[in-house]
Amino acid sequence: MSNHLSGPRTWAGFLRVLMALLIGALLAGCQSPREALQQLADAHGRQLEILPGPPFPLVMLAPQGAEKANRLRVYLEGDGHAWATATQPSRDPSPHNLLVARLAVDDPTPSSYLARPCQFVMTQTCEPALWTDRRFSQEVVTSLGQALDQLKQRYGNQEFELVGYSGGAALALLLAAQRDDVTFVQTLAGNLSPRLWAELKGLSPLSDSLDPLDYRDRLAAIPQRHLIGDADDVVPASLATTYLARLPPYACSQVATSITTDHQQGWEAVWKTWRDKPLNCESN
């Protein structure tokens, strides 16, 4: 009798497990970007916070622990899900790929993750232009700068290292150009000049955005390293080399293009290799 029943019971148990897995997969597929970010933060013991600030509250993953450091590394999110189609802006620019947040929570040094305006938290001031033509506007730079001021006041650091991914690279450079406490900029797959990028891609210029090359004299003095994937068809390697060539003589800048990644894949391993490498600076 027991042998007769073991087969159906085993099969029923298997079906229950299979159903639970399918439901779990379905729920994961329906998970919002905000929920996914919260889950990532919880898994790594990080606190997800919303920094207040007019006109845009910004989502942040706070540094782990309460220890103070002279320099805080801040990861700036990319453009996120800016476009639903090639011509239609998305309703929600929150990134679906949490690459930048993963890089931040995996970093053992004092570090924070900072999202862009309207990512993960929408307000009445949010409109599609903020993640399309105005994605590098002064209002966006000012909003991020206010967040850096709050971090500095809270954690007592005197300096920032900014790490910008994709479009976050342009914002990292713009912040560095407008502040006196950014001592190092690193970028991954970075759009270093939206104006040059639009020209290279044959796109209409972002008429309401700033461009780092308009601050070339200031940026020439700021140490910076730019990592570009050799299979990146979104941000071509020529953009970084052209950007640096248009700066005045610089003493502490580096472009690395022989990196086996595309625009999104493979950066976790690459970043672990590069993130703490010293930058060899030479005096003019």
C-alpha atoms as a PDB file:
ATOM      1  CA  MET A   1       0.000   0.000   0.000  1.00  0.00           C
ATOM      2  CA  SER A   2       2.748   2.461   0.927  1.00  0.00           C
ATOM      3  CA  ASN A   3       4.604   1.793  -2.315  1.00  0.00           C
ATOM      4  CA  HIS A   4       1.393   2.336  -4.233  1.00  0.00           C
ATOM      5  CA  LEU A   5       0.861   5.760  -2.648  1.00  0.00           C
ATOM      6  CA  SER A   6       4.463   7.028  -2.722  1.00  0.00           C
ATOM      7  CA  GLY A   7       4.360   7.749  -6.434  1.00  0.00           C
ATOM      8  CA  PRO A   8       1.279  10.035  -6.435  1.00  0.00           C
ATOM      9  CA  ARG A   9       2.402  11.743  -3.235  1.00  0.00           C
ATOM     10  CA  THR A  10       5.849  12.396  -4.651  1.00  0.00           C
ATOM     11  CA  TRP A  11       4.351  13.719  -7.871  1.00  0.00           C
ATOM     12  CA  ALA A  12       1.973  15.976  -5.944  1.00  0.00           C
ATOM     13  CA  GLY A  13       4.854  17.348  -3.900  1.00  0.00           C
ATOM     14  CA  PHE A  14       6.850  17.991  -7.050  1.00  0.00           C
ATOM     15  CA  LEU A  15       3.911  19.882  -8.555  1.00  0.00           C
ATOM     16  CA  ARG A  16       3.593  22.049  -5.440  1.00  0.00           C
ATOM     17  CA  VAL A  17       7.285  22.950  -5.562  1.00  0.00           C
ATOM     18  CA  LEU A  18       7.081  23.650  -9.293  1.00  0.00           C
ATOM     19  CA  MET A  19       4.036  25.867  -8.789  1.00  0.00           C
ATOM     20  CA  ALA A  20       5.778  27.797  -6.017  1.00  0.00           C
ATOM     21  CA  LEU A  21       8.796  28.387  -8.266  1.00  0.00           C
ATOM     22  CA  LEU A  22       6.602  29.553 -11.124  1.00  0.00           C
ATOM     23  CA  ILE A  23       4.703  31.931  -8.860  1.00  0.00           C
ATOM     24  CA  GLY A  24       7.973  33.259  -7.472  1.00  0.00           C
ATOM     25  CA  ALA A  25       9.300  33.842 -10.970  1.00  0.00           C
ATOM     26  CA  LEU A  26       6.081  35.583 -11.949  1.00  0.00           C
ATOM     27  CA  LEU A  27       6.227  37.857  -8.919  1.00  0.00           C
ATOM     28  CA  ALA A  28       9.871  38.654  -9.615  1.00  0.00           C
ATOM     29  CA  GLY A  29       8.939  39.587 -13.160  1.00  0.00           C
ATOM     30  CA  CYS A  30       6.265  41.956 -11.825  1.00  0.00           C
ATOM     31  CA  GLN A  31       8.632  43.499  -9.271  1.00  0.00           C
ATOM     32  CA  SER A  32       8.956  47.249  -9.624  1.00  0.00           C
ATOM     33  CA  PRO A  33      12.417  48.878  -9.890  1.00  0.00           C
ATOM     34  CA  ARG A  34      11.881  50.433  -6.442  1.00  0.00           C
ATOM     35  CA  GLU A  35      11.080  47.030  -4.931  1.00  0.00           C
ATOM     36  CA  ALA A  36      14.101  45.486  -6.627  1.00  0.00           C
ATOM     37  CA  LEU A  37      16.337  48.237  -5.264  1.00  0.00           C
ATOM     38  CA  GLN A  38      14.920  47.755  -1.772  1.00  0.00           C
ATOM     39  CA  GLN A  39      15.553  44.011  -2.008  1.00  0.00           C
ATOM     40  CA  LEU A  40      19.149  44.651  -3.100  1.00  0.00           C
ATOM     41  CA  ALA A  41      19.670  47.067  -0.217  1.00  0.00           C
ATOM     42  CA  ASP A  42      18.234  44.616   2.327  1.00  0.00           C
ATOM     43  CA  ALA A  43      20.416  41.782   1.037  1.00  0.00           C
ATOM     44  CA  HIS A  44      23.561  43.876   1.573  1.00  0.00           C
ATOM     45  CA  GLY A  45      22.630  45.575   4.814  1.00  0.00           C
ATOM     46  CA  ARG A  46      22.197  48.968   3.190  1.00  0.00           C
ATOM     47  CA  GLN A  47      19.597  51.565   4.063  1.00  0.00           C
ATOM     48  CA  LEU A  48      17.459  52.894   1.201  1.00  0.00           C
ATOM     49  CA  GLU A  49      16.631  56.520   1.890  1.00  0.00           C
ATOM     50  CA  ILE A  50      14.941  59.394   0.123  1.00  0.00           C
ATOM     51  CA  LEU A  51      16.912  62.610   0.450  1.00  0.00           C
ATOM     52  CA  PRO A  52      14.576  65.599   0.560  1.00  0.00           C
ATOM     53  CA  GLY A  53      15.283  68.532  -1.656  1.00  0.00           C
ATOM     54  CA  PRO A  54      13.441  70.896  -3.907  1.00  0.00           C
ATOM     55  CA  PRO A  55      12.465  70.328  -6.550  1.00  0.00           C
ATOM     56  CA  PHE A  56      13.389  66.614  -6.605  1.00  0.00           C
ATOM     57  CA  PRO A  57      13.761  64.134  -3.746  1.00  0.00           C
ATOM     58  CA  LEU A  58      16.528  61.678  -4.587  1.00  0.00           C
ATOM     59  CA  VAL A  59      16.847  57.997  -3.711  1.00  0.00           C
ATOM     60  CA  MET A  60      20.079  56.983  -2.023  1.00  0.00           C
ATOM     61  CA  LEU A  61      21.673  53.841  -0.653  1.00  0.00           C
ATOM     62  CA  ALA A  62      23.520  55.015   2.437  1.00  0.00           C
ATOM     63  CA  PRO A  63      27.104  53.977   3.182  1.00  0.00           C
ATOM     64  CA  GLN A  64      27.449  50.849   5.287  1.00  0.00           C
ATOM     65  CA  GLY A  65      28.361  51.537   8.885  1.00  0.00           C
ATOM     66  CA  ALA A  66      28.769  54.863  10.606  1.00  0.00           C
ATOM     67  CA  GLU A  67      32.527  55.236  10.272  1.00  0.00           C
ATOM     68  CA  LYS A  68      33.732  58.548   8.906  1.00  0.00           C
ATOM     69  CA  ALA A  69      36.172  58.861   6.042  1.00  0.00           C
ATOM     70  CA  ASN A  70      37.896  61.829   4.497  1.00  0.00           C
ATOM     71  CA  ARG A  71      36.657  60.857   1.036  1.00  0.00           C
ATOM     72  CA  LEU A  72      33.300  59.323   0.172  1.00  0.00           C
ATOM     73  CA  ARG A  73      32.804  57.469  -3.105  1.00  0.00           C
ATOM     74  CA  VAL A  74      29.424  58.244  -4.668  1.00  0.00           C
ATOM     75  CA  TYR A  75      28.009  56.172  -7.528  1.00  0.00           C
ATOM     76  CA  LEU A  76      25.811  58.173  -9.916  1.00  0.00           C
ATOM     77  CA  GLU A  77      23.110  56.312 -11.817  1.00  0.00           C
ATOM     78  CA  GLY A  78      22.932  56.354 -15.606  1.00  0.00           C
ATOM     79  CA  ASP A  79      20.028  57.552 -17.734  1.00  0.00           C
ATOM     80  CA  GLY A  80      17.907  54.594 -16.674  1.00  0.00           C
ATOM     81  CA  HIS A  81      14.802  53.656 -18.645  1.00  0.00           C
ATOM     82  CA  ALA A  82      14.575  57.033 -20.358  1.00  0.00           C
ATOM     83  CA  TRP A  83      12.876  55.864 -23.554  1.00  0.00           C
ATOM     84  CA  ALA A  84      10.037  53.393 -24.013  1.00  0.00           C
ATOM     85  CA  THR A  85      10.722  53.287 -27.763  1.00  0.00           C
ATOM     86  CA  ALA A  86      13.151  55.030 -30.087  1.00  0.00           C
ATOM     87  CA  THR A  87      10.848  58.054 -30.225  1.00  0.00           C
ATOM     88  CA  GLN A  88       8.630  57.771 -27.137  1.00  0.00           C
ATOM     89  CA  PRO A  89       9.913  58.766 -23.670  1.00  0.00           C
ATOM     90  CA  SER A  90       9.119  56.337 -20.886  1.00  0.00           C
ATOM     91  CA  ARG A  91       6.708  57.192 -18.114  1.00  0.00           C
ATOM     92  CA  ASP A  92       9.186  56.085 -15.470  1.00  0.00           C
ATOM     93  CA  PRO A  93      12.956  56.570 -15.944  1.00  0.00           C
ATOM     94  CA  SER A  94      13.892  54.192 -13.111  1.00  0.00           C
ATOM     95  CA  PRO A  95      16.610  51.796 -14.295  1.00  0.00           C
ATOM     96  CA  HIS A  96      15.530  48.202 -14.896  1.00  0.00           C
ATOM     97  CA  ASN A  97      19.146  47.067 -14.655  1.00  0.00           C
ATOM     98  CA  LEU A  98      20.515  47.813 -11.178  1.00  0.00           C
ATOM     99  CA  LEU A  99      24.140  47.580 -12.288  1.00  0.00           C
ATOM    100  CA  VAL A 100      25.240  50.840 -10.647  1.00  0.00           C
ATOM    101  CA  ALA A 101      23.533  50.000  -7.358  1.00  0.00           C
ATOM    102  CA  ARG A 102      25.151  46.555  -7.394  1.00  0.00           C
ATOM    103  CA  LEU A 103      28.576  48.117  -7.911  1.00  0.00           C
ATOM    104  CA  ALA A 104      27.940  50.395  -4.943  1.00  0.00           C
ATOM    105  CA  VAL A 105      26.771  47.739  -2.481  1.00  0.00           C
ATOM    106  CA  ASP A 106      29.657  45.440  -3.471  1.00  0.00           C
ATOM    107  CA  ASP A 107      32.220  48.177  -2.763  1.00  0.00           C
ATOM    108  CA  PRO A 108      33.961  47.692   0.617  1.00  0.00           C
ATOM    109  CA  THR A 109      35.130  51.317   0.750  1.00  0.00           C
ATOM    110  CA  PRO A 110      32.880  54.046   2.201  1.00  0.00           C
ATOM    111  CA  SER A 111      30.439  54.550  -0.659  1.00  0.00           C
ATOM    112  CA  SER A 112      26.917  55.627  -1.488  1.00  0.00           C
ATOM    113  CA  TYR A 113      24.573  55.156  -4.439  1.00  0.00           C
ATOM    114  CA  LEU A 114      22.659  58.168  -5.732  1.00  0.00           C
ATOM    115  CA  ALA A 115      19.817  57.962  -8.227  1.00  0.00           C
ATOM    116  CA  ARG A 116      18.846  60.689 -10.672  1.00  0.00           C
ATOM    117  CA  PRO A 117      15.779  62.947 -10.371  1.00  0.00           C
ATOM    118  CA  CYS A 118      12.501  61.044 -10.868  1.00  0.00           C
ATOM    119  CA  GLN A 119      14.171  57.621 -10.685  1.00  0.00           C
ATOM    120  CA  PHE A 120      12.429  55.357  -8.142  1.00  0.00           C
ATOM    121  CA  VAL A 121      10.402  58.285  -6.778  1.00  0.00           C
ATOM    122  CA  MET A 122       8.050  60.424  -8.873  1.00  0.00           C
ATOM    123  CA  THR A 123       6.713  63.830  -7.888  1.00  0.00           C
ATOM    124  CA  GLN A 124       4.526  66.440  -9.537  1.00  0.00           C
ATOM    125  CA  THR A 125       7.654  68.193 -10.785  1.00  0.00           C
ATOM    126  CA  CYS A 126       8.675  65.146 -12.836  1.00  0.00           C
ATOM    127  CA  GLU A 127       8.147  65.362 -16.586  1.00  0.00           C
ATOM    128  CA  PRO A 128       9.715  63.431 -19.486  1.00  0.00           C
ATOM    129  CA  ALA A 129      11.979  66.307 -20.499  1.00  0.00           C
ATOM    130  CA  LEU A 130      13.937  65.727 -17.277  1.00  0.00           C
ATOM    131  CA  TRP A 131      15.135  62.338 -18.495  1.00  0.00           C
ATOM    132  CA  THR A 132      15.400  63.289 -22.190  1.00  0.00           C
ATOM    133  CA  ASP A 133      16.478  66.768 -23.402  1.00  0.00           C
ATOM    134  CA  ARG A 134      17.043  68.155 -19.892  1.00  0.00           C
ATOM    135  CA  ARG A 135      18.777  65.106 -18.427  1.00  0.00           C
ATOM    136  CA  PHE A 136      22.051  67.071 -18.060  1.00  0.00           C
ATOM    137  CA  SER A 137      20.472  70.438 -17.277  1.00  0.00           C
ATOM    138  CA  GLN A 138      21.595  72.774 -14.518  1.00  0.00           C
ATOM    139  CA  GLU A 139      18.513  71.904 -12.460  1.00  0.00           C
ATOM    140  CA  VAL A 140      19.547  68.234 -12.483  1.00  0.00           C
ATOM    141  CA  VAL A 141      23.156  69.085 -11.589  1.00  0.00           C
ATOM    142  CA  THR A 142      21.959  71.379  -8.800  1.00  0.00           C
ATOM    143  CA  SER A 143      19.685  68.670  -7.399  1.00  0.00           C
ATOM    144  CA  LEU A 144      22.540  66.170  -7.256  1.00  0.00           C
ATOM    145  CA  GLY A 145      24.808  68.814  -5.756  1.00  0.00           C
ATOM    146  CA  GLN A 146      22.305  69.432  -2.973  1.00  0.00           C
ATOM    147  CA  ALA A 147      22.329  65.704  -2.247  1.00  0.00           C
ATOM    148  CA  LEU A 148      26.133  65.731  -2.027  1.00  0.00           C
ATOM    149  CA  ASP A 149      25.909  68.615   0.427  1.00  0.00           C
ATOM    150  CA  GLN A 150      23.564  66.555   2.603  1.00  0.00           C
ATOM    151  CA  LEU A 151      25.923  63.577   2.494  1.00  0.00           C
ATOM    152  CA  LYS A 152      28.871  65.757   3.415  1.00  0.00           C
ATOM    153  CA  GLN A 153      27.025  67.258   6.362  1.00  0.00           C
ATOM    154  CA  ARG A 154      25.887  63.838   7.571  1.00  0.00           C
ATOM    155  CA  TYR A 155      29.092  61.817   7.152  1.00  0.00           C
ATOM    156  CA  GLY A 156      31.716  64.494   7.690  1.00  0.00           C
ATOM    157  CA  ASN A 157      33.794  63.724   4.601  1.00  0.00           C
ATOM    158  CA  GLN A 158      35.828  66.546   3.122  1.00  0.00           C
ATOM    159  CA  GLU A 159      36.122  65.122  -0.388  1.00  0.00           C
ATOM    160  CA  PHE A 160      34.147  63.145  -2.945  1.00  0.00           C
ATOM    161  CA  GLU A 161      35.122  60.596  -5.532  1.00  0.00           C
ATOM    162  CA  LEU A 162      32.371  60.424  -8.135  1.00  0.00           C
ATOM    163  CA  VAL A 163      31.744  57.280 -10.178  1.00  0.00           C
ATOM    164  CA  GLY A 164      29.433  57.838 -13.123  1.00  0.00           C
ATOM    165  CA  TYR A 165      27.969  55.173 -15.368  1.00  0.00           C
ATOM    166  CA  SER A 166      26.768  55.982 -18.907  1.00  0.00           C
ATOM    167  CA  GLY A 167      24.932  59.336 -18.691  1.00  0.00           C
ATOM    168  CA  GLY A 168      25.921  59.561 -15.041  1.00  0.00           C
ATOM    169  CA  ALA A 169      29.455  60.192 -16.272  1.00  0.00           C
ATOM    170  CA  ALA A 170      28.503  63.553 -17.780  1.00  0.00           C
ATOM    171  CA  LEU A 171      26.837  64.530 -14.510  1.00  0.00           C
ATOM    172  CA  ALA A 172      29.882  63.437 -12.507  1.00  0.00           C
ATOM    173  CA  LEU A 173      32.054  65.711 -14.646  1.00  0.00           C
ATOM    174  CA  LEU A 174      29.609  68.609 -14.418  1.00  0.00           C
ATOM    175  CA  LEU A 175      29.493  68.267 -10.629  1.00  0.00           C
ATOM    176  CA  ALA A 176      33.279  68.117 -10.474  1.00  0.00           C
ATOM    177  CA  ALA A 177      33.513  71.263 -12.585  1.00  0.00           C
ATOM    178  CA  GLN A 178      31.088  73.200 -10.380  1.00  0.00           C
ATOM    179  CA  ARG A 179      32.331  72.064  -6.965  1.00  0.00           C
ATOM    180  CA  ASP A 180      35.633  72.352  -5.111  1.00  0.00           C
ATOM    181  CA  ASP A 181      35.394  69.087  -3.145  1.00  0.00           C
ATOM    182  CA  VAL A 182      35.480  66.500  -5.983  1.00  0.00           C
ATOM    183  CA  THR A 183      39.017  65.168  -6.101  1.00  0.00           C
ATOM    184  CA  PHE A 184      38.613  62.174  -8.427  1.00  0.00           C
ATOM    185  CA  VAL A 185      36.184  61.116 -11.154  1.00  0.00           C
ATOM    186  CA  GLN A 186      35.890  57.600 -12.553  1.00  0.00           C
ATOM    187  CA  THR A 187      33.450  56.629 -15.282  1.00  0.00           C
ATOM    188  CA  LEU A 188      32.227  53.379 -16.814  1.00  0.00           C
ATOM    189  CA  ALA A 189      30.811  53.317 -20.344  1.00  0.00           C
ATOM    190  CA  GLY A 190      30.597  57.054 -19.843  1.00  0.00           C
ATOM    191  CA  ASN A 191      28.929  59.672 -21.999  1.00  0.00           C
ATOM    192  CA  LEU A 192      31.611  62.289 -21.341  1.00  0.00           C
ATOM    193  CA  SER A 193      30.222  64.872 -23.732  1.00  0.00           C
ATOM    194  CA  PRO A 194      26.527  64.727 -24.675  1.00  0.00           C
ATOM    195  CA  ARG A 195      27.197  67.139 -27.522  1.00  0.00           C
ATOM    196  CA  LEU A 196      29.949  64.983 -29.055  1.00  0.00           C
ATOM    197  CA  TRP A 197      27.923  61.843 -28.400  1.00  0.00           C
ATOM    198  CA  ALA A 198      24.911  63.189 -30.291  1.00  0.00           C
ATOM    199  CA  GLU A 199      27.171  64.144 -33.201  1.00  0.00           C
ATOM    200  CA  LEU A 200      28.782  60.686 -33.286  1.00  0.00           C
ATOM    201  CA  LYS A 201      25.391  58.947 -33.175  1.00  0.00           C
ATOM    202  CA  GLY A 202      23.738  61.288 -35.677  1.00  0.00           C
ATOM    203  CA  LEU A 203      21.144  62.409 -33.128  1.00  0.00           C
ATOM    204  CA  SER A 204      19.536  65.756 -32.435  1.00  0.00           C
ATOM    205  CA  PRO A 205      21.465  67.733 -29.797  1.00  0.00           C
ATOM    206  CA  LEU A 206      20.166  67.881 -26.242  1.00  0.00           C
ATOM    207  CA  SER A 207      19.372  71.564 -26.456  1.00  0.00           C
ATOM    208  CA  ASP A 208      18.443  71.994 -22.783  1.00  0.00           C
ATOM    209  CA  SER A 209      21.492  70.184 -21.366  1.00  0.00           C
ATOM    210  CA  LEU A 210      24.953  71.256 -20.268  1.00  0.00           C
ATOM    211  CA  ASP A 211      28.151  69.770 -21.656  1.00  0.00           C
ATOM    212  CA  PRO A 212      31.310  69.024 -19.632  1.00  0.00           C
ATOM    213  CA  LEU A 213      33.545  70.374 -22.390  1.00  0.00           C
ATOM    214  CA  ASP A 214      32.136  73.822 -21.697  1.00  0.00           C
ATOM    215  CA  TYR A 215      34.071  73.531 -18.410  1.00  0.00           C
ATOM    216  CA  ARG A 216      37.252  72.192 -19.991  1.00  0.00           C
ATOM    217  CA  ASP A 217      39.647  74.490 -18.142  1.00  0.00           C
ATOM    218  CA  ARG A 218      38.298  73.399 -14.775  1.00  0.00           C
ATOM    219  CA  LEU A 219      38.113  69.714 -15.665  1.00  0.00           C
ATOM    220  CA  ALA A 220      41.684  69.617 -16.962  1.00  0.00           C
ATOM    221  CA  ALA A 221      42.916  69.906 -13.376  1.00  0.00           C
ATOM    222  CA  ILE A 222      40.713  67.132 -11.940  1.00  0.00           C
ATOM    223  CA  PRO A 223      42.101  63.557 -11.848  1.00  0.00           C
ATOM    224  CA  GLN A 224      39.875  61.267 -13.886  1.00  0.00           C
ATOM    225  CA  ARG A 225      39.790  57.743 -15.295  1.00  0.00           C
ATOM    226  CA  HIS A 226      37.392  56.613 -18.016  1.00  0.00           C
ATOM    227  CA  LEU A 227      36.722  52.925 -18.742  1.00  0.00           C
ATOM    228  CA  ILE A 228      35.142  52.058 -22.092  1.00  0.00           C
ATOM    229  CA  GLY A 229      34.086  48.579 -23.239  1.00  0.00           C
ATOM    230  CA  ASP A 230      35.543  47.375 -26.512  1.00  0.00           C
ATOM    231  CA  ALA A 231      32.138  46.011 -27.575  1.00  0.00           C
ATOM    232  CA  ASP A 232      30.128  49.057 -26.494  1.00  0.00           C
ATOM    233  CA  ASP A 233      27.938  50.198 -29.372  1.00  0.00           C
ATOM    234  CA  VAL A 234      26.108  52.793 -27.238  1.00  0.00           C
ATOM    235  CA  VAL A 235      29.112  54.887 -26.193  1.00  0.00           C
ATOM    236  CA  PRO A 236      31.958  54.408 -28.691  1.00  0.00           C
ATOM    237  CA  ALA A 237      35.548  54.480 -27.470  1.00  0.00           C
ATOM    238  CA  SER A 238      36.323  57.420 -29.743  1.00  0.00           C
ATOM    239  CA  LEU A 239      34.152  59.638 -27.540  1.00  0.00           C
ATOM    240  CA  ALA A 240      36.501  59.367 -24.560  1.00  0.00           C
ATOM    241  CA  THR A 241      39.658  59.924 -26.575  1.00  0.00           C
ATOM    242  CA  THR A 242      38.128  62.926 -28.344  1.00  0.00           C
ATOM    243  CA  TYR A 243      36.932  64.341 -25.031  1.00  0.00           C
ATOM    244  CA  LEU A 244      40.413  64.196 -23.487  1.00  0.00           C
ATOM    245  CA  ALA A 245      42.021  65.581 -26.644  1.00  0.00           C
ATOM    246  CA  ARG A 246      39.808  68.675 -26.361  1.00  0.00           C
ATOM    247  CA  LEU A 247      40.801  69.393 -22.770  1.00  0.00           C
ATOM    248  CA  PRO A 248      43.712  71.746 -22.144  1.00  0.00           C
ATOM    249  CA  PRO A 249      46.976  70.000 -21.222  1.00  0.00           C
ATOM    250  CA  TYR A 250      46.166  67.632 -18.394  1.00  0.00           C
ATOM    251  CA  ALA A 251      48.418  65.832 -15.963  1.00  0.00           C
ATOM    252  CA  CYS A 252      46.231  63.224 -14.360  1.00  0.00           C
ATOM    253  CA  SER A 253      43.791  61.580 -16.777  1.00  0.00           C
ATOM    254  CA  GLN A 254      43.473  58.095 -18.209  1.00  0.00           C
ATOM    255  CA  VAL A 255      41.306  56.343 -20.776  1.00  0.00           C
ATOM    256  CA  ALA A 256      41.166  52.538 -20.826  1.00  0.00           C
ATOM    257  CA  THR A 257      39.435  51.119 -23.897  1.00  0.00           C
ATOM    258  CA  SER A 258      40.760  47.546 -24.164  1.00  0.00           C
ATOM    259  CA  ILE A 259      38.113  46.239 -21.788  1.00  0.00           C
ATOM    260  CA  THR A 260      36.069  43.161 -22.675  1.00  0.00           C
ATOM    261  CA  THR A 261      32.574  44.466 -21.998  1.00  0.00           C
ATOM    262  CA  ASP A 262      29.671  45.975 -23.862  1.00  0.00           C
ATOM    263  CA  HIS A 263      27.548  48.813 -22.497  1.00  0.00           C
ATOM    264  CA  GLN A 264      25.927  46.776 -19.706  1.00  0.00           C
ATOM    265  CA  GLN A 265      27.503  43.335 -19.367  1.00  0.00           C
ATOM    266  CA  GLY A 266      30.704  42.411 -17.561  1.00  0.00           C
ATOM    267  CA  TRP A 267      31.277  45.574 -15.552  1.00  0.00           C
ATOM    268  CA  GLU A 268      31.142  43.952 -12.109  1.00  0.00           C
ATOM    269  CA  ALA A 269      34.359  42.000 -12.675  1.00  0.00           C
ATOM    270  CA  VAL A 270      36.051  44.848 -14.520  1.00  0.00           C
ATOM    271  CA  TRP A 271      35.253  47.363 -11.810  1.00  0.00           C
ATOM    272  CA  LYS A 272      36.698  45.183  -9.054  1.00  0.00           C
ATOM    273  CA  THR A 273      39.969  45.231 -10.960  1.00  0.00           C
ATOM    274  CA  TRP A 274      40.036  48.974 -11.621  1.00  0.00           C
ATOM    275  CA  ARG A 275      38.162  50.753  -8.838  1.00  0.00           C
ATOM    276  CA  ASP A 276      41.037  51.102  -6.369  1.00  0.00           C
ATOM    277  CA  LYS A 277      43.965  51.344  -8.773  1.00  0.00           C
ATOM    278  CA  PRO A 278      45.933  54.503  -8.149  1.00  0.00           C
ATOM    279  CA  LEU A 279      46.063  57.006 -10.959  1.00  0.00           C
ATOM    280  CA  ASN A 280      49.642  57.910 -11.866  1.00  0.00           C
ATOM    281  CA  CYS A 281      49.749  61.698 -11.962  1.00  0.00           C
ATOM    282  CA  GLU A 282      52.525  63.748 -13.446  1.00  0.00           C
ATOM    283  CA  SER A 283      53.048  67.407 -12.773  1.00  0.00           C
ATOM    284  CA  ASN A 284      52.962  69.837 -15.670  1.00  0.00           C
END
